[in-house]
Amino acid sequence: IPSSRRPVSHGCIRGYYKAIPDVYAKVRVGTP
């Protein structure tokens, strides 16, 4: 995640490394 907080990916949505494991644990295939 750039310090400028601008969009920089190739289309995917990157998430902050401190948050994503917790998010991943709470979703499943089919989550809206």
PDB file of all heavy atoms in Angstrom:
ATOM      1  N   ILE A   1       0.869  -1.174   0.000  1.00  0.00           N
ATOM      2  CA  ILE A   1       0.000   0.000   0.000  1.00  0.00           C
ATOM      3  C   ILE A   1       0.909   1.228   0.000  1.00  0.00           C
ATOM      4  O   ILE A   1       1.662   1.431   0.946  1.00  0.00           O
ATOM      5  CB  ILE A   1      -0.912   0.044   1.243  1.00  0.00           C
ATOM      6  CG1 ILE A   1      -1.671  -1.283   1.419  1.00  0.00           C
ATOM      7  CG2 ILE A   1      -1.873   1.223   1.150  1.00  0.00           C
ATOM      8  CD1 ILE A   1      -2.651  -1.603   0.335  1.00  0.00           C
ATOM      9  N   PRO A   2       0.874   2.058  -1.047  1.00  0.00           N
ATOM     10  CA  PRO A   2       1.782   3.209  -1.105  1.00  0.00           C
ATOM     11  C   PRO A   2       1.449   4.256  -0.051  1.00  0.00           C
ATOM     12  O   PRO A   2       0.286   4.426   0.329  1.00  0.00           O
ATOM     13  CB  PRO A   2       1.560   3.758  -2.511  1.00  0.00           C
ATOM     14  CG  PRO A   2       0.174   3.340  -2.873  1.00  0.00           C
ATOM     15  CD  PRO A   2      -0.017   1.996  -2.222  1.00  0.00           C
ATOM     16  N   SER A   3       2.481   4.953   0.420  1.00  0.00           N
ATOM     17  CA  SER A   3       2.271   5.991   1.430  1.00  0.00           C
ATOM     18  C   SER A   3       1.410   7.125   0.887  1.00  0.00           C
ATOM     19  O   SER A   3       0.728   7.810   1.646  1.00  0.00           O
ATOM     20  CB  SER A   3       3.620   6.543   1.912  1.00  0.00           C
ATOM     21  OG  SER A   3       4.366   7.058   0.818  1.00  0.00           O
ATOM     22  N   SER A   4       1.412   7.309  -0.434  1.00  0.00           N
ATOM     23  CA  SER A   4       0.569   8.342  -1.057  1.00  0.00           C
ATOM     24  C   SER A   4      -0.892   7.936  -1.073  1.00  0.00           C
ATOM     25  O   SER A   4      -1.767   8.757  -1.351  1.00  0.00           O
ATOM     26  CB  SER A   4       1.035   8.598  -2.487  1.00  0.00           C
ATOM     27  OG  SER A   4       0.909   7.410  -3.264  1.00  0.00           O
ATOM     28  N   ARG A   5      -1.161   6.661  -0.773  1.00  0.00           N
ATOM     29  CA  ARG A   5      -2.503   6.093  -0.733  1.00  0.00           C
ATOM     30  C   ARG A   5      -3.230   6.236  -2.062  1.00  0.00           C
ATOM     31  O   ARG A   5      -4.451   6.424  -2.095  1.00  0.00           O
ATOM     32  CB  ARG A   5      -3.315   6.725   0.409  1.00  0.00           C
ATOM     33  CG  ARG A   5      -2.706   6.577   1.786  1.00  0.00           C
ATOM     34  CD  ARG A   5      -2.474   5.117   2.151  1.00  0.00           C
ATOM     35  NE  ARG A   5      -3.640   4.314   1.852  1.00  0.00           N
ATOM     36  CZ  ARG A   5      -4.762   4.356   2.562  1.00  0.00           C
ATOM     37  NH1 ARG A   5      -4.824   5.117   3.626  1.00  0.00           N
ATOM     38  NH2 ARG A   5      -5.786   3.612   2.215  1.00  0.00           N
ATOM     39  N   ARG A   6      -2.514   6.080  -3.170  1.00  0.00           N
ATOM     40  CA  ARG A   6      -3.141   6.150  -4.488  1.00  0.00           C
ATOM     41  C   ARG A   6      -3.329   4.743  -5.058  1.00  0.00           C
ATOM     42  O   ARG A   6      -2.666   3.794  -4.632  1.00  0.00           O
ATOM     43  CB  ARG A   6      -2.294   6.990  -5.438  1.00  0.00           C
ATOM     44  CG  ARG A   6      -0.985   6.352  -5.843  1.00  0.00           C
ATOM     45  CD  ARG A   6      -0.138   7.296  -6.689  1.00  0.00           C
ATOM     46  NE  ARG A   6       0.999   6.633  -7.296  1.00  0.00           N
ATOM     47  CZ  ARG A   6       2.122   6.341  -6.671  1.00  0.00           C
ATOM     48  NH1 ARG A   6       2.260   6.663  -5.389  1.00  0.00           N
ATOM     49  NH2 ARG A   6       3.109   5.725  -7.312  1.00  0.00           N
ATOM     50  N   PRO A   7      -4.207   4.577  -6.050  1.00  0.00           N
ATOM     51  CA  PRO A   7      -4.388   3.274  -6.699  1.00  0.00           C
ATOM     52  C   PRO A   7      -3.149   2.913  -7.524  1.00  0.00           C
ATOM     53  O   PRO A   7      -2.716   3.716  -8.347  1.00  0.00           O
ATOM     54  CB  PRO A   7      -5.601   3.498  -7.607  1.00  0.00           C
ATOM     55  CG  PRO A   7      -6.267   4.742  -7.114  1.00  0.00           C
ATOM     56  CD  PRO A   7      -5.174   5.582  -6.533  1.00  0.00           C
ATOM     57  N   VAL A   8      -2.586   1.729  -7.322  1.00  0.00           N
ATOM     58  CA  VAL A   8      -1.356   1.366  -8.031  1.00  0.00           C
ATOM     59  C   VAL A   8      -1.359  -0.058  -8.577  1.00  0.00           C
ATOM     60  O   VAL A   8      -0.400  -0.470  -9.222  1.00  0.00           O
ATOM     61  CB  VAL A   8      -0.113   1.546  -7.133  1.00  0.00           C
ATOM     62  CG1 VAL A   8       0.109   3.002  -6.771  1.00  0.00           C
ATOM     63  CG2 VAL A   8      -0.211   0.684  -5.880  1.00  0.00           C
ATOM     64  N   SER A   9      -2.413  -0.837  -8.353  1.00  0.00           N
ATOM     65  CA  SER A   9      -2.381  -2.244  -8.730  1.00  0.00           C
ATOM     66  C   SER A   9      -2.724  -2.445 -10.207  1.00  0.00           C
ATOM     67  O   SER A   9      -3.047  -1.506 -10.935  1.00  0.00           O
ATOM     68  CB  SER A   9      -3.352  -3.048  -7.861  1.00  0.00           C
ATOM     69  OG  SER A   9      -4.663  -2.979  -8.369  1.00  0.00           O
ATOM     70  N   HIS A  10      -2.677  -3.706 -10.640  1.00  0.00           N
ATOM     71  CA  HIS A  10      -3.038  -4.075 -12.013  1.00  0.00           C
ATOM     72  C   HIS A  10      -4.523  -4.396 -12.147  1.00  0.00           C
ATOM     73  O   HIS A  10      -4.937  -4.983 -13.144  1.00  0.00           O
ATOM     74  CB  HIS A  10      -2.217  -5.279 -12.478  1.00  0.00           C
ATOM     75  CG  HIS A  10      -0.769  -4.979 -12.710  1.00  0.00           C
ATOM     76  ND1 HIS A  10       0.218  -5.340 -11.817  1.00  0.00           N
ATOM     77  CD2 HIS A  10      -0.138  -4.340 -13.728  1.00  0.00           C
ATOM     78  CE1 HIS A  10       1.397  -4.953 -12.276  1.00  0.00           C
ATOM     79  NE2 HIS A  10       1.214  -4.338 -13.428  1.00  0.00           N
ATOM     80  N   GLY A  11      -5.313  -4.047 -11.161  1.00  0.00           N
ATOM     81  CA  GLY A  11      -6.750  -4.306 -11.204  1.00  0.00           C
ATOM     82  C   GLY A  11      -7.265  -4.965  -9.944  1.00  0.00           C
ATOM     83  O   GLY A  11      -8.420  -4.782  -9.557  1.00  0.00           O
ATOM     84  N   CYS A  12      -6.408  -5.783  -9.319  1.00  0.00           N
ATOM     85  CA  CYS A  12      -6.792  -6.367  -8.024  1.00  0.00           C
ATOM     86  C   CYS A  12      -6.881  -5.263  -6.970  1.00  0.00           C
ATOM     87  O   CYS A  12      -6.402  -4.156  -7.167  1.00  0.00           O
ATOM     88  CB  CYS A  12      -5.755  -7.398  -7.585  1.00  0.00           C
ATOM     89  SG  CYS A  12      -5.891  -8.983  -8.436  1.00  0.00           S
ATOM     90  N   ILE A  13      -7.461  -5.619  -5.854  1.00  0.00           N
ATOM     91  CA  ILE A  13      -7.539  -4.667  -4.749  1.00  0.00           C
ATOM     92  C   ILE A  13      -6.646  -5.179  -3.625  1.00  0.00           C
ATOM     93  O   ILE A  13      -6.949  -6.179  -2.966  1.00  0.00           O
ATOM     94  CB  ILE A  13      -8.982  -4.471  -4.274  1.00  0.00           C
ATOM     95  CG1 ILE A  13      -9.809  -3.882  -5.420  1.00  0.00           C
ATOM     96  CG2 ILE A  13      -9.025  -3.569  -3.049  1.00  0.00           C
ATOM     97  CD1 ILE A  13     -11.251  -3.643  -5.105  1.00  0.00           C
ATOM     98  N   ARG A  14      -5.509  -4.514  -3.470  1.00  0.00           N
ATOM     99  CA  ARG A  14      -4.572  -4.885  -2.417  1.00  0.00           C
ATOM    100  C   ARG A  14      -5.132  -4.461  -1.057  1.00  0.00           C
ATOM    101  O   ARG A  14      -5.807  -3.439  -0.951  1.00  0.00           O
ATOM    102  CB  ARG A  14      -3.228  -4.201  -2.627  1.00  0.00           C
ATOM    103  CG  ARG A  14      -2.550  -4.522  -3.944  1.00  0.00           C
ATOM    104  CD  ARG A  14      -1.296  -3.692  -4.096  1.00  0.00           C
ATOM    105  NE  ARG A  14      -0.628  -3.898  -5.370  1.00  0.00           N
ATOM    106  CZ  ARG A  14       0.451  -3.231  -5.753  1.00  0.00           C
ATOM    107  NH1 ARG A  14       0.984  -2.298  -4.945  1.00  0.00           N
ATOM    108  NH2 ARG A  14       1.016  -3.484  -6.911  1.00  0.00           N
ATOM    109  N   GLY A  15      -4.817  -5.233  -0.042  1.00  0.00           N
ATOM    110  CA  GLY A  15      -5.229  -4.893   1.306  1.00  0.00           C
ATOM    111  C   GLY A  15      -4.036  -4.843   2.237  1.00  0.00           C
ATOM    112  O   GLY A  15      -3.021  -5.518   2.004  1.00  0.00           O
ATOM    113  N   TYR A  16      -4.132  -4.054   3.275  1.00  0.00           N
ATOM    114  CA  TYR A  16      -3.057  -3.862   4.242  1.00  0.00           C
ATOM    115  C   TYR A  16      -2.751  -5.189   4.934  1.00  0.00           C
ATOM    116  O   TYR A  16      -3.653  -5.894   5.395  1.00  0.00           O
ATOM    117  CB  TYR A  16      -3.480  -2.806   5.251  1.00  0.00           C
ATOM    118  CG  TYR A  16      -2.377  -2.214   6.081  1.00  0.00           C
ATOM    119  CD1 TYR A  16      -1.089  -2.064   5.596  1.00  0.00           C
ATOM    120  CD2 TYR A  16      -2.635  -1.782   7.380  1.00  0.00           C
ATOM    121  CE1 TYR A  16      -0.085  -1.496   6.371  1.00  0.00           C
ATOM    122  CE2 TYR A  16      -1.646  -1.207   8.162  1.00  0.00           C
ATOM    123  CZ  TYR A  16      -0.367  -1.074   7.653  1.00  0.00           C
ATOM    124  OH  TYR A  16       0.626  -0.516   8.423  1.00  0.00           O
ATOM    125  N   TYR A  17      -1.461  -5.511   5.045  1.00  0.00           N
ATOM    126  CA  TYR A  17      -1.053  -6.821   5.554  1.00  0.00           C
ATOM    127  C   TYR A  17      -1.495  -7.060   6.995  1.00  0.00           C
ATOM    128  O   TYR A  17      -1.674  -8.212   7.423  1.00  0.00           O
ATOM    129  CB  TYR A  17       0.469  -6.979   5.436  1.00  0.00           C
ATOM    130  CG  TYR A  17       1.277  -6.203   6.453  1.00  0.00           C
ATOM    131  CD1 TYR A  17       1.774  -6.806   7.609  1.00  0.00           C
ATOM    132  CD2 TYR A  17       1.544  -4.833   6.265  1.00  0.00           C
ATOM    133  CE1 TYR A  17       2.509  -6.096   8.542  1.00  0.00           C
ATOM    134  CE2 TYR A  17       2.288  -4.114   7.189  1.00  0.00           C
ATOM    135  CZ  TYR A  17       2.759  -4.745   8.325  1.00  0.00           C
ATOM    136  OH  TYR A  17       3.485  -4.028   9.249  1.00  0.00           O
ATOM    137  N   LYS A  18      -1.690  -5.996   7.777  1.00  0.00           N
ATOM    138  CA  LYS A  18      -2.116  -6.157   9.162  1.00  0.00           C
ATOM    139  C   LYS A  18      -3.612  -6.465   9.273  1.00  0.00           C
ATOM    140  O   LYS A  18      -4.075  -6.883  10.339  1.00  0.00           O
ATOM    141  CB  LYS A  18      -1.805  -4.892   9.965  1.00  0.00           C
ATOM    142  CG  LYS A  18      -0.324  -4.639  10.175  1.00  0.00           C
ATOM    143  CD  LYS A  18      -0.102  -3.399  11.037  1.00  0.00           C
ATOM    144  CE  LYS A  18       1.372  -3.150  11.311  1.00  0.00           C
ATOM    145  NZ  LYS A  18       1.596  -1.941  12.155  1.00  0.00           N
ATOM    146  N   ALA A  19      -4.359  -6.261   8.188  1.00  0.00           N
ATOM    147  CA  ALA A  19      -5.811  -6.435   8.239  1.00  0.00           C
ATOM    148  C   ALA A  19      -6.305  -7.672   7.503  1.00  0.00           C
ATOM    149  O   ALA A  19      -7.253  -8.334   7.946  1.00  0.00           O
ATOM    150  CB  ALA A  19      -6.502  -5.195   7.668  1.00  0.00           C
ATOM    151  N   ILE A  20      -5.682  -7.992   6.367  1.00  0.00           N
ATOM    152  CA  ILE A  20      -6.244  -9.005   5.483  1.00  0.00           C
ATOM    153  C   ILE A  20      -6.389 -10.394   6.114  1.00  0.00           C
ATOM    154  O   ILE A  20      -7.410 -11.059   5.892  1.00  0.00           O
ATOM    155  CB  ILE A  20      -5.423  -9.075   4.171  1.00  0.00           C
ATOM    156  CG1 ILE A  20      -5.660  -7.807   3.353  1.00  0.00           C
ATOM    157  CG2 ILE A  20      -5.830 -10.289   3.341  1.00  0.00           C
ATOM    158  CD1 ILE A  20      -7.100  -7.575   2.938  1.00  0.00           C
ATOM    159  N   PRO A  21      -5.440 -10.894   6.900  1.00  0.00           N
ATOM    160  CA  PRO A  21      -5.676 -12.209   7.514  1.00  0.00           C
ATOM    161  C   PRO A  21      -6.956 -12.261   8.346  1.00  0.00           C
ATOM    162  O   PRO A  21      -7.669 -13.271   8.334  1.00  0.00           O
ATOM    163  CB  PRO A  21      -4.425 -12.418   8.384  1.00  0.00           C
ATOM    164  CG  PRO A  21      -3.365 -11.641   7.679  1.00  0.00           C
ATOM    165  CD  PRO A  21      -4.064 -10.407   7.186  1.00  0.00           C
ATOM    166  N   ASP A  22      -7.265 -11.178   9.064  1.00  0.00           N
ATOM    167  CA  ASP A  22      -8.496 -11.131   9.862  1.00  0.00           C
ATOM    168  C   ASP A  22      -9.738 -11.071   8.981  1.00  0.00           C
ATOM    169  O   ASP A  22     -10.779 -11.636   9.319  1.00  0.00           O
ATOM    170  CB  ASP A  22      -8.467  -9.927  10.807  1.00  0.00           C
ATOM    171  CG  ASP A  22      -7.492 -10.109  11.958  1.00  0.00           C
ATOM    172  OD1 ASP A  22      -7.067 -11.254  12.210  1.00  0.00           O
ATOM    173  OD2 ASP A  22      -7.137  -9.103  12.600  1.00  0.00           O
ATOM    174  N   VAL A  23      -9.629 -10.363   7.863  1.00  0.00           N
ATOM    175  CA  VAL A  23     -10.752 -10.293   6.921  1.00  0.00           C
ATOM    176  C   VAL A  23     -10.968 -11.665   6.275  1.00  0.00           C
ATOM    177  O   VAL A  23     -12.102 -12.165   6.192  1.00  0.00           O
ATOM    178  CB  VAL A  23     -10.479  -9.223   5.837  1.00  0.00           C
ATOM    179  CG1 VAL A  23     -11.549  -9.265   4.755  1.00  0.00           C
ATOM    180  CG2 VAL A  23     -10.399  -7.834   6.464  1.00  0.00           C
ATOM    181  N   TYR A  24      -9.886 -12.272   5.834  1.00  0.00           N
ATOM    182  CA  TYR A  24      -9.927 -13.581   5.162  1.00  0.00           C
ATOM    183  C   TYR A  24     -10.620 -14.624   6.039  1.00  0.00           C
ATOM    184  O   TYR A  24     -11.374 -15.475   5.550  1.00  0.00           O
ATOM    185  CB  TYR A  24      -8.492 -14.005   4.857  1.00  0.00           C
ATOM    186  CG  TYR A  24      -8.349 -15.279   4.055  1.00  0.00           C
ATOM    187  CD1 TYR A  24      -8.260 -15.253   2.673  1.00  0.00           C
ATOM    188  CD2 TYR A  24      -8.238 -16.518   4.694  1.00  0.00           C
ATOM    189  CE1 TYR A  24      -8.085 -16.419   1.935  1.00  0.00           C
ATOM    190  CE2 TYR A  24      -8.075 -17.685   3.973  1.00  0.00           C
ATOM    191  CZ  TYR A  24      -7.996 -17.627   2.594  1.00  0.00           C
ATOM    192  OH  TYR A  24      -7.825 -18.785   1.870  1.00  0.00           O
ATOM    193  N   ALA A  25     -10.366 -14.551   7.345  1.00  0.00           N
ATOM    194  CA  ALA A  25     -10.922 -15.533   8.272  1.00  0.00           C
ATOM    195  C   ALA A  25     -12.432 -15.440   8.413  1.00  0.00           C
ATOM    196  O   ALA A  25     -13.075 -16.390   8.890  1.00  0.00           O
ATOM    197  CB  ALA A  25     -10.273 -15.367   9.649  1.00  0.00           C
ATOM    198  N   LYS A  26     -13.014 -14.315   7.985  1.00  0.00           N
ATOM    199  CA  LYS A  26     -14.444 -14.083   8.200  1.00  0.00           C
ATOM    200  C   LYS A  26     -15.278 -14.139   6.922  1.00  0.00           C
ATOM    201  O   LYS A  26     -16.464 -13.790   6.948  1.00  0.00           O
ATOM    202  CB  LYS A  26     -14.648 -12.727   8.890  1.00  0.00           C
ATOM    203  CG  LYS A  26     -14.030 -12.634  10.282  1.00  0.00           C
ATOM    204  CD  LYS A  26     -14.706 -13.558  11.275  1.00  0.00           C
ATOM    205  CE  LYS A  26     -14.158 -13.377  12.689  1.00  0.00           C
ATOM    206  NZ  LYS A  26     -14.902 -14.189  13.693  1.00  0.00           N
ATOM    207  N   VAL A  27     -14.683 -14.561   5.815  1.00  0.00           N
ATOM    208  CA  VAL A  27     -15.448 -14.678   4.570  1.00  0.00           C
ATOM    209  C   VAL A  27     -15.339 -16.109   4.045  1.00  0.00           C
ATOM    210  O   VAL A  27     -14.491 -16.883   4.485  1.00  0.00           O
ATOM    211  CB  VAL A  27     -14.952 -13.681   3.490  1.00  0.00           C
ATOM    212  CG1 VAL A  27     -15.013 -12.251   4.005  1.00  0.00           C
ATOM    213  CG2 VAL A  27     -13.550 -14.027   3.002  1.00  0.00           C
ATOM    214  N   ARG A  28     -16.194 -16.438   3.096  1.00  0.00           N
ATOM    215  CA  ARG A  28     -16.199 -17.762   2.477  1.00  0.00           C
ATOM    216  C   ARG A  28     -16.534 -17.616   0.998  1.00  0.00           C
ATOM    217  O   ARG A  28     -16.869 -16.512   0.531  1.00  0.00           O
ATOM    218  CB  ARG A  28     -17.241 -18.656   3.150  1.00  0.00           C
ATOM    219  CG  ARG A  28     -18.672 -18.184   2.928  1.00  0.00           C
ATOM    220  CD  ARG A  28     -19.683 -19.063   3.634  1.00  0.00           C
ATOM    221  NE  ARG A  28     -21.064 -18.607   3.424  1.00  0.00           N
ATOM    222  CZ  ARG A  28     -22.114 -19.170   3.989  1.00  0.00           C
ATOM    223  NH1 ARG A  28     -21.964 -20.185   4.818  1.00  0.00           N
ATOM    224  NH2 ARG A  28     -23.332 -18.697   3.746  1.00  0.00           N
ATOM    225  N   VAL A  29     -16.417 -18.677   0.258  1.00  0.00           N
ATOM    226  CA  VAL A  29     -16.875 -18.662  -1.124  1.00  0.00           C
ATOM    227  C   VAL A  29     -18.377 -18.367  -1.114  1.00  0.00           C
ATOM    228  O   VAL A  29     -19.149 -19.065  -0.443  1.00  0.00           O
ATOM    229  CB  VAL A  29     -16.591 -20.015  -1.824  1.00  0.00           C
ATOM    230  CG1 VAL A  29     -17.237 -20.054  -3.201  1.00  0.00           C
ATOM    231  CG2 VAL A  29     -15.085 -20.231  -1.936  1.00  0.00           C
ATOM    232  N   GLY A  30     -18.760 -17.297  -1.801  1.00  0.00           N
ATOM    233  CA  GLY A  30     -20.154 -16.861  -1.811  1.00  0.00           C
ATOM    234  C   GLY A  30     -20.400 -15.590  -1.024  1.00  0.00           C
ATOM    235  O   GLY A  30     -21.488 -14.996  -1.134  1.00  0.00           O
ATOM    236  N   THR A  31     -19.422 -15.134  -0.246  1.00  0.00           N
ATOM    237  CA  THR A  31     -19.601 -13.881   0.517  1.00  0.00           C
ATOM    238  C   THR A  31     -19.804 -12.708  -0.444  1.00  0.00           C
ATOM    239  O   THR A  31     -19.038 -12.546  -1.403  1.00  0.00           O
ATOM    240  CB  THR A  31     -18.361 -13.609   1.397  1.00  0.00           C
ATOM    241  OG1 THR A  31     -18.285 -14.612   2.419  1.00  0.00           O
ATOM    242  CG2 THR A  31     -18.435 -12.230   2.049  1.00  0.00           C
ATOM    243  N   PRO A  32     -20.824 -11.860  -0.211  1.00  0.00           N
ATOM    244  CA  PRO A  32     -21.070 -10.708  -1.084  1.00  0.00           C
ATOM    245  C   PRO A  32     -19.951  -9.661  -1.001  1.00  0.00           C
ATOM    246  O   PRO A  32     -19.416  -9.401   0.085  1.00  0.00           O
ATOM    247  CB  PRO A  32     -22.384 -10.134  -0.558  1.00  0.00           C
ATOM    248  CG  PRO A  32     -23.009 -11.224   0.251  1.00  0.00           C
ATOM    249  CD  PRO A  32     -21.858 -11.992   0.822  1.00  0.00           C
TER     250      PRO A  32
END
